[in-house]
PDB file of all heavy atoms in Angstrom:
ATOM      1  N   ALA A   1      87.478  22.676  86.987  1.00  0.00           N
ATOM      2  CA  ALA A   1      87.637  22.438  85.552  1.00  0.00           C
ATOM      3  C   ALA A   1      87.610  23.758  84.793  1.00  0.00           C
ATOM      4  O   ALA A   1      87.136  24.781  85.290  1.00  0.00           O
ATOM      5  CB  ALA A   1      86.531  21.514  85.032  1.00  0.00           C
ATOM      6  N   LEU A   2      88.149  23.712  83.567  1.00  0.00           N
ATOM      7  CA  LEU A   2      88.103  24.842  82.644  1.00  0.00           C
ATOM      8  C   LEU A   2      87.446  24.375  81.351  1.00  0.00           C
ATOM      9  O   LEU A   2      87.640  23.241  80.919  1.00  0.00           O
ATOM     10  CB  LEU A   2      89.510  25.365  82.307  1.00  0.00           C
ATOM     11  CG  LEU A   2      90.414  25.852  83.433  1.00  0.00           C
ATOM     12  CD1 LEU A   2      91.763  26.265  82.847  1.00  0.00           C
ATOM     13  CD2 LEU A   2      89.781  27.017  84.172  1.00  0.00           C
ATOM     14  N   ARG A   3      86.687  25.277  80.757  1.00  0.00           N
ATOM     15  CA  ARG A   3      86.135  25.008  79.423  1.00  0.00           C
ATOM     16  C   ARG A   3      86.602  26.126  78.497  1.00  0.00           C
ATOM     17  O   ARG A   3      86.234  27.292  78.675  1.00  0.00           O
ATOM     18  CB  ARG A   3      84.612  24.934  79.443  1.00  0.00           C
ATOM     19  CG  ARG A   3      83.997  24.554  78.093  1.00  0.00           C
ATOM     20  CD  ARG A   3      82.474  24.447  78.196  1.00  0.00           C
ATOM     21  NE  ARG A   3      81.900  24.001  76.931  1.00  0.00           N
ATOM     22  CZ  ARG A   3      81.595  24.814  75.920  1.00  0.00           C
ATOM     23  NH1 ARG A   3      81.831  26.127  76.029  1.00  0.00           N
ATOM     24  NH2 ARG A   3      81.067  24.344  74.803  1.00  0.00           N
ATOM     25  N   LEU A   4      87.436  25.772  77.522  1.00  0.00           N
ATOM     26  CA  LEU A   4      88.065  26.757  76.649  1.00  0.00           C
ATOM     27  C   LEU A   4      87.418  26.731  75.269  1.00  0.00           C
ATOM     28  O   LEU A   4      87.461  25.722  74.567  1.00  0.00           O
ATOM     29  CB  LEU A   4      89.569  26.458  76.522  1.00  0.00           C
ATOM     30  CG  LEU A   4      90.357  27.267  75.490  1.00  0.00           C
ATOM     31  CD1 LEU A   4      90.303  28.757  75.805  1.00  0.00           C
ATOM     32  CD2 LEU A   4      91.790  26.785  75.417  1.00  0.00           C
ATOM     33  N   SER A   5      86.818  27.855  74.892  1.00  0.00           N
ATOM     34  CA  SER A   5      86.245  28.015  73.553  1.00  0.00           C
ATOM     35  C   SER A   5      87.235  28.790  72.698  1.00  0.00           C
ATOM     36  O   SER A   5      87.719  29.847  73.110  1.00  0.00           O
ATOM     37  CB  SER A   5      84.912  28.765  73.619  1.00  0.00           C
ATOM     38  OG  SER A   5      83.954  28.043  74.362  1.00  0.00           O
ATOM     39  N   LEU A   6      87.532  28.262  71.523  1.00  0.00           N
ATOM     40  CA  LEU A   6      88.454  28.913  70.590  1.00  0.00           C
ATOM     41  C   LEU A   6      87.668  29.396  69.383  1.00  0.00           C
ATOM     42  O   LEU A   6      87.087  28.596  68.648  1.00  0.00           O
ATOM     43  CB  LEU A   6      89.544  27.936  70.158  1.00  0.00           C
ATOM     44  CG  LEU A   6      90.444  27.411  71.280  1.00  0.00           C
ATOM     45  CD1 LEU A   6      91.344  26.294  70.770  1.00  0.00           C
ATOM     46  CD2 LEU A   6      91.280  28.527  71.868  1.00  0.00           C
ATOM     47  N   SER A   7      87.640  30.711  69.200  1.00  0.00           N
ATOM     48  CA  SER A   7      86.903  31.308  68.075  1.00  0.00           C
ATOM     49  C   SER A   7      87.823  32.290  67.368  1.00  0.00           C
ATOM     50  O   SER A   7      87.660  33.512  67.474  1.00  0.00           O
ATOM     51  CB  SER A   7      85.646  32.018  68.584  1.00  0.00           C
ATOM     52  OG  SER A   7      84.823  31.145  69.320  1.00  0.00           O
ATOM     53  N   PRO A   8      88.823  31.775  66.638  1.00  0.00           N
ATOM     54  CA  PRO A   8      89.823  32.661  66.052  1.00  0.00           C
ATOM     55  C   PRO A   8      89.303  33.408  64.828  1.00  0.00           C
ATOM     56  O   PRO A   8      88.397  32.941  64.142  1.00  0.00           O
ATOM     57  CB  PRO A   8      90.939  31.694  65.641  1.00  0.00           C
ATOM     58  CG  PRO A   8      90.204  30.434  65.317  1.00  0.00           C
ATOM     59  CD  PRO A   8      89.075  30.361  66.315  1.00  0.00           C
ATOM     60  N   ARG A   9      89.892  34.566  64.611  1.00  0.00           N
ATOM     61  CA  ARG A   9      89.646  35.297  63.372  1.00  0.00           C
ATOM     62  C   ARG A   9      90.739  34.870  62.401  1.00  0.00           C
ATOM     63  O   ARG A   9      91.807  35.462  62.353  1.00  0.00           O
ATOM     64  CB  ARG A   9      89.692  36.803  63.634  1.00  0.00           C
ATOM     65  CG  ARG A   9      88.686  37.243  64.702  1.00  0.00           C
ATOM     66  CD  ARG A   9      88.811  38.722  65.013  1.00  0.00           C
ATOM     67  NE  ARG A   9      87.915  39.124  66.086  1.00  0.00           N
ATOM     68  CZ  ARG A   9      88.234  39.143  67.363  1.00  0.00           C
ATOM     69  NH1 ARG A   9      89.458  38.778  67.721  1.00  0.00           N
ATOM     70  NH2 ARG A   9      87.370  39.511  68.281  1.00  0.00           N
ATOM     71  N   LEU A  10      90.475  33.800  61.671  1.00  0.00           N
ATOM     72  CA  LEU A  10      91.512  33.176  60.850  1.00  0.00           C
ATOM     73  C   LEU A  10      91.744  33.941  59.567  1.00  0.00           C
ATOM     74  O   LEU A  10      90.815  34.446  58.938  1.00  0.00           O
ATOM     75  CB  LEU A  10      91.114  31.735  60.510  1.00  0.00           C
ATOM     76  CG  LEU A  10      90.980  30.784  61.705  1.00  0.00           C
ATOM     77  CD1 LEU A  10      90.457  29.450  61.245  1.00  0.00           C
ATOM     78  CD2 LEU A  10      92.326  30.610  62.393  1.00  0.00           C
ATOM     79  N   SER A  11      93.003  34.022  59.188  1.00  0.00           N
ATOM     80  CA  SER A  11      93.389  34.617  57.910  1.00  0.00           C
ATOM     81  C   SER A  11      93.674  33.489  56.940  1.00  0.00           C
ATOM     82  O   SER A  11      94.682  32.795  57.053  1.00  0.00           O
ATOM     83  CB  SER A  11      94.634  35.497  58.073  1.00  0.00           C
ATOM     84  OG  SER A  11      95.070  35.980  56.821  1.00  0.00           O
ATOM     85  N   THR A  12      92.756  33.250  56.007  1.00  0.00           N
ATOM     86  CA  THR A  12      92.899  32.136  55.076  1.00  0.00           C
ATOM     87  C   THR A  12      92.647  32.602  53.662  1.00  0.00           C
ATOM     88  O   THR A  12      92.067  33.650  53.422  1.00  0.00           O
ATOM     89  CB  THR A  12      91.885  31.011  55.395  1.00  0.00           C
ATOM     90  OG1 THR A  12      90.566  31.511  55.137  1.00  0.00           O
ATOM     91  CG2 THR A  12      91.970  30.570  56.844  1.00  0.00           C
ATOM     92  N   SER A  13      93.081  31.786  52.733  1.00  0.00           N
ATOM     93  CA  SER A  13      92.860  32.099  51.330  1.00  0.00           C
ATOM     94  C   SER A  13      91.382  32.102  50.999  1.00  0.00           C
ATOM     95  O   SER A  13      90.922  32.862  50.156  1.00  0.00           O
ATOM     96  CB  SER A  13      93.585  31.075  50.453  1.00  0.00           C
ATOM     97  OG  SER A  13      93.153  29.754  50.756  1.00  0.00           O
ATOM     98  N   THR A  14      90.602  31.260  51.709  1.00  0.00           N
ATOM     99  CA  THR A  14      89.183  31.212  51.425  1.00  0.00           C
ATOM    100  C   THR A  14      88.486  32.463  51.940  1.00  0.00           C
ATOM    101  O   THR A  14      87.563  32.963  51.318  1.00  0.00           O
ATOM    102  CB  THR A  14      88.542  29.965  52.068  1.00  0.00           C
ATOM    103  OG1 THR A  14      88.903  29.915  53.445  1.00  0.00           O
ATOM    104  CG2 THR A  14      89.004  28.700  51.380  1.00  0.00           C
ATOM    105  N   GLU A  15      88.930  32.970  53.080  1.00  0.00           N
ATOM    106  CA  GLU A  15      88.323  34.176  53.615  1.00  0.00           C
ATOM    107  C   GLU A  15      88.597  35.359  52.707  1.00  0.00           C
ATOM    108  O   GLU A  15      87.789  36.272  52.587  1.00  0.00           O
ATOM    109  CB  GLU A  15      88.846  34.455  55.023  1.00  0.00           C
ATOM    110  CG  GLU A  15      88.237  33.584  56.085  1.00  0.00           C
ATOM    111  CD  GLU A  15      88.603  34.063  57.468  1.00  0.00           C
ATOM    112  OE1 GLU A  15      89.627  34.719  57.618  1.00  0.00           O
ATOM    113  OE2 GLU A  15      87.836  33.773  58.408  1.00  0.00           O
ATOM    114  N   ALA A  16      89.765  35.353  52.081  1.00  0.00           N
ATOM    115  CA  ALA A  16      90.098  36.443  51.178  1.00  0.00           C
ATOM    116  C   ALA A  16      89.120  36.493  50.017  1.00  0.00           C
ATOM    117  O   ALA A  16      88.907  37.540  49.410  1.00  0.00           O
ATOM    118  CB  ALA A  16      91.525  36.272  50.658  1.00  0.00           C
ATOM    119  N   LYS A  17      88.502  35.365  49.693  1.00  0.00           N
ATOM    120  CA  LYS A  17      87.535  35.315  48.610  1.00  0.00           C
ATOM    121  C   LYS A  17      86.107  35.445  49.137  1.00  0.00           C
ATOM    122  O   LYS A  17      85.145  35.209  48.416  1.00  0.00           O
ATOM    123  CB  LYS A  17      87.683  33.981  47.859  1.00  0.00           C
ATOM    124  CG  LYS A  17      89.064  33.787  47.229  1.00  0.00           C
ATOM    125  CD  LYS A  17      89.167  32.417  46.574  1.00  0.00           C
ATOM    126  CE  LYS A  17      90.547  32.186  45.983  1.00  0.00           C
ATOM    127  NZ  LYS A  17      90.678  30.841  45.388  1.00  0.00           N
ATOM    128  N   GLY A  18      85.983  35.806  50.411  1.00  0.00           N
ATOM    129  CA  GLY A  18      84.666  35.991  50.987  1.00  0.00           C
ATOM    130  C   GLY A  18      83.993  34.702  51.404  1.00  0.00           C
ATOM    131  O   GLY A  18      82.777  34.659  51.582  1.00  0.00           O
ATOM    132  N   LYS A  19      84.755  33.612  51.562  1.00  0.00           N
ATOM    133  CA  LYS A  19      84.209  32.335  51.954  1.00  0.00           C
ATOM    134  C   LYS A  19      84.751  31.930  53.311  1.00  0.00           C
ATOM    135  O   LYS A  19      85.797  32.399  53.743  1.00  0.00           O
ATOM    136  CB  LYS A  19      84.565  31.256  50.920  1.00  0.00           C
ATOM    137  CG  LYS A  19      84.061  31.550  49.509  1.00  0.00           C
ATOM    138  CD  LYS A  19      84.503  30.446  48.554  1.00  0.00           C
ATOM    139  CE  LYS A  19      84.059  30.740  47.129  1.00  0.00           C
ATOM    140  NZ  LYS A  19      84.508  29.685  46.191  1.00  0.00           N
ATOM    141  N   SER A  20      84.026  31.029  53.972  1.00  0.00           N
ATOM    142  CA  SER A  20      84.502  30.494  55.241  1.00  0.00           C
ATOM    143  C   SER A  20      85.391  29.291  54.961  1.00  0.00           C
ATOM    144  O   SER A  20      85.205  28.587  53.970  1.00  0.00           O
ATOM    145  CB  SER A  20      83.313  30.061  56.114  1.00  0.00           C
ATOM    146  OG  SER A  20      82.494  31.174  56.419  1.00  0.00           O
ATOM    147  N   PRO A  21      86.379  29.026  55.832  1.00  0.00           N
ATOM    148  CA  PRO A  21      87.228  27.847  55.635  1.00  0.00           C
ATOM    149  C   PRO A  21      86.407  26.571  55.725  1.00  0.00           C
ATOM    150  O   PRO A  21      85.450  26.480  56.486  1.00  0.00           O
ATOM    151  CB  PRO A  21      88.239  27.952  56.775  1.00  0.00           C
ATOM    152  CG  PRO A  21      87.592  28.821  57.796  1.00  0.00           C
ATOM    153  CD  PRO A  21      86.766  29.793  57.027  1.00  0.00           C
ATOM    154  N   ARG A  22      86.781  25.575  54.933  1.00  0.00           N
ATOM    155  CA  ARG A  22      86.044  24.315  54.933  1.00  0.00           C
ATOM    156  C   ARG A  22      86.243  23.556  56.241  1.00  0.00           C
ATOM    157  O   ARG A  22      85.366  22.825  56.688  1.00  0.00           O
ATOM    158  CB  ARG A  22      86.488  23.464  53.750  1.00  0.00           C
ATOM    159  CG  ARG A  22      86.047  24.001  52.401  1.00  0.00           C
ATOM    160  CD  ARG A  22      86.750  23.278  51.270  1.00  0.00           C
ATOM    161  NE  ARG A  22      88.191  23.549  51.305  1.00  0.00           N
ATOM    162  CZ  ARG A  22      89.060  23.008  50.445  1.00  0.00           C
ATOM    163  NH1 ARG A  22      88.633  22.174  49.526  1.00  0.00           N
ATOM    164  NH2 ARG A  22      90.344  23.306  50.524  1.00  0.00           N
ATOM    165  N   GLN A  23      87.416  23.704  56.857  1.00  0.00           N
ATOM    166  CA  GLN A  23      87.660  23.080  58.138  1.00  0.00           C
ATOM    167  C   GLN A  23      88.727  23.878  58.877  1.00  0.00           C
ATOM    168  O   GLN A  23      89.471  24.642  58.285  1.00  0.00           O
ATOM    169  CB  GLN A  23      88.072  21.629  57.992  1.00  0.00           C
ATOM    170  CG  GLN A  23      89.467  21.436  57.415  1.00  0.00           C
ATOM    171  CD  GLN A  23      89.893  19.976  57.428  1.00  0.00           C
ATOM    172  OE1 GLN A  23      89.075  19.076  57.590  1.00  0.00           O
ATOM    173  NE2 GLN A  23      91.179  19.731  57.277  1.00  0.00           N
ATOM    174  N   VAL A  24      88.770  23.698  60.168  1.00  0.00           N
ATOM    175  CA  VAL A  24      89.768  24.340  61.019  1.00  0.00           C
ATOM    176  C   VAL A  24      90.582  23.248  61.682  1.00  0.00           C
ATOM    177  O   VAL A  24      90.035  22.256  62.170  1.00  0.00           O
ATOM    178  CB  VAL A  24      89.108  25.228  62.095  1.00  0.00           C
ATOM    179  CG1 VAL A  24      90.165  25.853  62.999  1.00  0.00           C
ATOM    180  CG2 VAL A  24      88.253  26.316  61.443  1.00  0.00           C
ATOM    181  N   THR A  25      91.889  23.400  61.673  1.00  0.00           N
ATOM    182  CA  THR A  25      92.780  22.455  62.334  1.00  0.00           C
ATOM    183  C   THR A  25      93.346  23.114  63.587  1.00  0.00           C
ATOM    184  O   THR A  25      93.861  24.227  63.526  1.00  0.00           O
ATOM    185  CB  THR A  25      93.931  22.029  61.409  1.00  0.00           C
ATOM    186  OG1 THR A  25      93.389  21.349  60.271  1.00  0.00           O
ATOM    187  CG2 THR A  25      94.886  21.087  62.138  1.00  0.00           C
ATOM    188  N   THR A  26      93.225  22.427  64.707  1.00  0.00           N
ATOM    189  CA  THR A  26      93.722  22.914  65.988  1.00  0.00           C
ATOM    190  C   THR A  26      94.817  21.983  66.486  1.00  0.00           C
ATOM    191  O   THR A  26      94.653  20.768  66.453  1.00  0.00           O
ATOM    192  CB  THR A  26      92.595  22.968  67.038  1.00  0.00           C
ATOM    193  OG1 THR A  26      91.533  23.781  66.555  1.00  0.00           O
ATOM    194  CG2 THR A  26      93.115  23.531  68.362  1.00  0.00           C
ATOM    195  N   CYS A  27      95.930  22.554  66.926  1.00  0.00           N
ATOM    196  CA  CYS A  27      97.018  21.772  67.517  1.00  0.00           C
ATOM    197  C   CYS A  27      97.364  22.341  68.880  1.00  0.00           C
ATOM    198  O   CYS A  27      97.377  23.567  69.056  1.00  0.00           O
ATOM    199  CB  CYS A  27      98.258  21.793  66.627  1.00  0.00           C
ATOM    200  SG  CYS A  27      98.062  20.934  65.044  1.00  0.00           S
ATOM    201  N   ILE A  28      97.632  21.480  69.837  1.00  0.00           N
ATOM    202  CA  ILE A  28      98.085  21.908  71.157  1.00  0.00           C
ATOM    203  C   ILE A  28      99.399  21.212  71.479  1.00  0.00           C
ATOM    204  O   ILE A  28      99.606  20.052  71.113  1.00  0.00           O
ATOM    205  CB  ILE A  28      97.042  21.631  72.262  1.00  0.00           C
ATOM    206  CG1 ILE A  28      96.797  20.120  72.409  1.00  0.00           C
ATOM    207  CG2 ILE A  28      95.749  22.368  71.985  1.00  0.00           C
ATOM    208  CD1 ILE A  28      95.947  19.775  73.613  1.00  0.00           C
ATOM    209  N   LYS A  29     100.276  21.944  72.149  1.00  0.00           N
ATOM    210  CA  LYS A  29     101.565  21.397  72.553  1.00  0.00           C
ATOM    211  C   LYS A  29     101.733  21.616  74.048  1.00  0.00           C
ATOM    212  O   LYS A  29     101.937  22.741  74.497  1.00  0.00           O
ATOM    213  CB  LYS A  29     102.709  22.076  71.790  1.00  0.00           C
ATOM    214  CG  LYS A  29     104.084  21.491  72.108  1.00  0.00           C
ATOM    215  CD  LYS A  29     105.172  22.114  71.259  1.00  0.00           C
ATOM    216  CE  LYS A  29     106.534  21.460  71.516  1.00  0.00           C
ATOM    217  NZ  LYS A  29     107.604  22.041  70.667  1.00  0.00           N
ATOM    218  N   PRO A  30     101.631  20.553  74.853  1.00  0.00           N
ATOM    219  CA  PRO A  30     101.766  20.713  76.306  1.00  0.00           C
ATOM    220  C   PRO A  30     103.181  21.081  76.702  1.00  0.00           C
ATOM    221  O   PRO A  30     104.143  20.725  76.012  1.00  0.00           O
ATOM    222  CB  PRO A  30     101.371  19.336  76.851  1.00  0.00           C
ATOM    223  CG  PRO A  30     101.681  18.387  75.728  1.00  0.00           C
ATOM    224  CD  PRO A  30     101.414  19.151  74.464  1.00  0.00           C
ATOM    225  N   SER A  31     103.305  21.801  77.803  1.00  0.00           N
ATOM    226  CA  SER A  31     104.629  22.139  78.317  1.00  0.00           C
ATOM    227  C   SER A  31     105.299  20.886  78.869  1.00  0.00           C
ATOM    228  O   SER A  31     104.642  19.879  79.153  1.00  0.00           O
ATOM    229  CB  SER A  31     104.516  23.190  79.418  1.00  0.00           C
ATOM    230  OG  SER A  31     103.881  22.637  80.561  1.00  0.00           O
ATOM    231  N   SER A  32     106.604  20.952  79.022  1.00  0.00           N
ATOM    232  CA  SER A  32     107.354  19.793  79.528  1.00  0.00           C
ATOM    233  C   SER A  32     107.032  19.510  80.993  1.00  0.00           C
ATOM    234  O   SER A  32     107.334  18.429  81.501  1.00  0.00           O
ATOM    235  CB  SER A  32     108.859  20.031  79.365  1.00  0.00           C
ATOM    236  OG  SER A  32     109.252  21.205  80.059  1.00  0.00           O
ATOM    237  N   THR A  33     106.404  20.474  81.672  1.00  0.00           N
ATOM    238  CA  THR A  33     106.068  20.307  83.096  1.00  0.00           C
ATOM    239  C   THR A  33     104.558  20.218  83.302  1.00  0.00           C
ATOM    240  O   THR A  33     104.062  20.521  84.390  1.00  0.00           O
ATOM    241  CB  THR A  33     106.636  21.475  83.912  1.00  0.00           C
ATOM    242  OG1 THR A  33     106.139  22.727  83.370  1.00  0.00           O
ATOM    243  CG2 THR A  33     108.158  21.486  83.853  1.00  0.00           C
ATOM    244  N   PHE A  34     103.819  19.806  82.275  1.00  0.00           N
ATOM    245  CA  PHE A  34     102.359  19.711  82.369  1.00  0.00           C
ATOM    246  C   PHE A  34     101.978  18.701  83.445  1.00  0.00           C
ATOM    247  O   PHE A  34     102.317  17.539  83.372  1.00  0.00           O
ATOM    248  CB  PHE A  34     101.780  19.295  81.016  1.00  0.00           C
ATOM    249  CG  PHE A  34     100.276  19.353  80.949  1.00  0.00           C
ATOM    250  CD1 PHE A  34      99.642  20.404  80.307  1.00  0.00           C
ATOM    251  CD2 PHE A  34      99.500  18.349  81.519  1.00  0.00           C
ATOM    252  CE1 PHE A  34      98.260  20.455  80.226  1.00  0.00           C
ATOM    253  CE2 PHE A  34      98.120  18.389  81.454  1.00  0.00           C
ATOM    254  CZ  PHE A  34      97.487  19.448  80.800  1.00  0.00           C
ATOM    255  N   ARG A  35     101.241  19.169  84.463  1.00  0.00           N
ATOM    256  CA  ARG A  35     100.811  18.314  85.568  1.00  0.00           C
ATOM    257  C   ARG A  35      99.465  18.807  86.106  1.00  0.00           C
ATOM    258  O   ARG A  35      99.128  19.974  86.003  1.00  0.00           O
ATOM    259  CB  ARG A  35     101.817  18.345  86.737  1.00  0.00           C
ATOM    260  CG  ARG A  35     103.214  17.867  86.415  1.00  0.00           C
ATOM    261  CD  ARG A  35     103.295  16.369  86.171  1.00  0.00           C
ATOM    262  NE  ARG A  35     104.685  15.940  86.032  1.00  0.00           N
ATOM    263  CZ  ARG A  35     105.389  16.032  84.927  1.00  0.00           C
ATOM    264  NH1 ARG A  35     104.845  16.582  83.836  1.00  0.00           N
ATOM    265  NH2 ARG A  35     106.639  15.610  84.859  1.00  0.00           N
ATOM    266  N   GLY A  36      98.696  17.891  86.679  1.00  0.00           N
ATOM    267  CA  GLY A  36      97.529  18.272  87.451  1.00  0.00           C
ATOM    268  C   GLY A  36      96.214  18.304  86.701  1.00  0.00           C
ATOM    269  O   GLY A  36      95.183  18.655  87.286  1.00  0.00           O
ATOM    270  N   ALA A  37      96.189  17.942  85.421  1.00  0.00           N
ATOM    271  CA  ALA A  37      94.938  17.991  84.655  1.00  0.00           C
ATOM    272  C   ALA A  37      95.039  17.084  83.442  1.00  0.00           C
ATOM    273  O   ALA A  37      96.125  16.627  83.071  1.00  0.00           O
ATOM    274  CB  ALA A  37      94.626  19.421  84.230  1.00  0.00           C
TER     275      ALA A  37
END
Protein backbone atom coordinates (compact mmCIF):
# COMPACT_ATOMS: atom_id res chain seq x y z
CA ALA A 1 0.00 0.00 0.00
CA LEU A 2 0.89 3.68 -0.36
CA ARG A 3 -0.10 6.55 1.89
CA LEU A 4 0.09 9.90 0.11
CA SER A 5 0.12 13.13 2.12
CA LEU A 6 -0.57 16.31 0.15
CA SER A 7 0.70 19.52 1.75
CA PRO A 8 0.74 22.09 -1.05
CA ARG A 9 2.00 25.63 -0.82
CA LEU A 10 -1.18 27.09 -2.26
CA SER A 11 -1.33 30.47 -3.95
CA THR A 12 -4.70 31.93 -3.00
CA SER A 13 -6.31 35.29 -2.59
CA THR A 14 -6.66 34.62 1.11
CA GLU A 15 -2.97 33.87 1.53
CA ALA A 16 -2.16 37.14 -0.17
CA LYS A 17 -3.97 38.83 2.71
CA GLY A 18 -2.04 36.81 5.27
CA LYS A 19 -4.88 34.35 5.91
CA SER A 20 -5.18 30.61 5.44
CA PRO A 21 -7.70 29.27 2.90
CA ARG A 22 -11.04 28.32 4.42
CA GLN A 23 -10.98 24.99 2.59
CA VAL A 24 -8.87 23.05 0.13
CA THR A 25 -10.34 21.22 -2.85
CA THR A 26 -8.49 18.18 -4.17
CA CYS A 27 -9.24 16.49 -7.50
CA ILE A 28 -7.70 13.33 -8.93
CA LYS A 29 -7.96 12.04 -12.48
CA PRO A 30 -7.01 8.38 -12.99
CA SER A 31 -5.20 7.33 -16.14
CA SER A 32 -7.10 5.39 -18.78
CA THR A 33 -4.99 2.32 -17.89
CA PHE A 34 -5.43 2.51 -14.09
CA ARG A 35 -5.16 -1.06 -12.76
CA GLY A 36 -4.04 -2.95 -9.68
CA ALA A 37 -5.19 -0.69 -6.82
